[in-house]
Amino acid sequence: MSFTIVLDTDFLSAFLKIEQLHLVKDFYGVEVLRVPVAVYREVSLTNLLPRLAALQWVEVAAPEPGERPGHGPDFVDLGKGEQEAIQLSLSSPGSLLLMNDLKARRIAHRLGVDTVDVPAFLLSCKASGFLNPTKVREVIEALREKDRYGFRKEALDRLLS
C-alpha cells in the first residue's frame, strides 16, 4: 500500500485558493490526495468547489465504519470535517494528515495520527530544496493575500531566512 495524504478543510481550501494544491501531491510523491466526505461537503458550500471538482487526483473517501476513536469531549467538539479527517487517517496506517487547527492536531497526535500544518509543510519543501526561497515567498504572499493566512513570527522567520 502506498503512502496516503489526507487533507482537512482548512489546509485544502488554503491551497485551492492559491491554486497550488499540486505542490502537496508533488512534494509527497503521491498519485492521489484523499479528502473525507465531510471536508468535501464543507468545500462544496464555497466557491472553491469547481476548482476541487476539476482535480481528478483528489479522491473523496469515507472513513472505515469501524474506525471510531474514543469519543471524548474534546473529539466531539471538533468539526465534522476534522473528525472525519482524523478517522480517515486512522483507517489508513502510515498516512499523514494535513491540517492547521492546533486543537485538532493535538487530538490527532494523541490518537496516533501524524499531522503537518501549512508552515511545517512549507518548511519541509524549503529544507528539501523542493521549493526555492523565491517560490516559498510567493506561496506565503499568496496565502496571506487570498486566504488571509497568518503566520507566526517564528515560523515566518524560519521560512524566509
Foldseek 3Di string as FASTA:
>chain_A
DDEAEEEFQLQVVLCLLLVNPVLVCVVVVHQAHEFEPVSLVVCVVDPSNVSVVPDPRYHYDFADPVQQPPPDVLLVPDDPRLNRSLRNQVSPPNYEYEDDDPSSCVVSVVVPHHYDYDLRVLLVCPVVVVDDLVVSVVSVVSSCVRVVDDDDPVSVVSSND
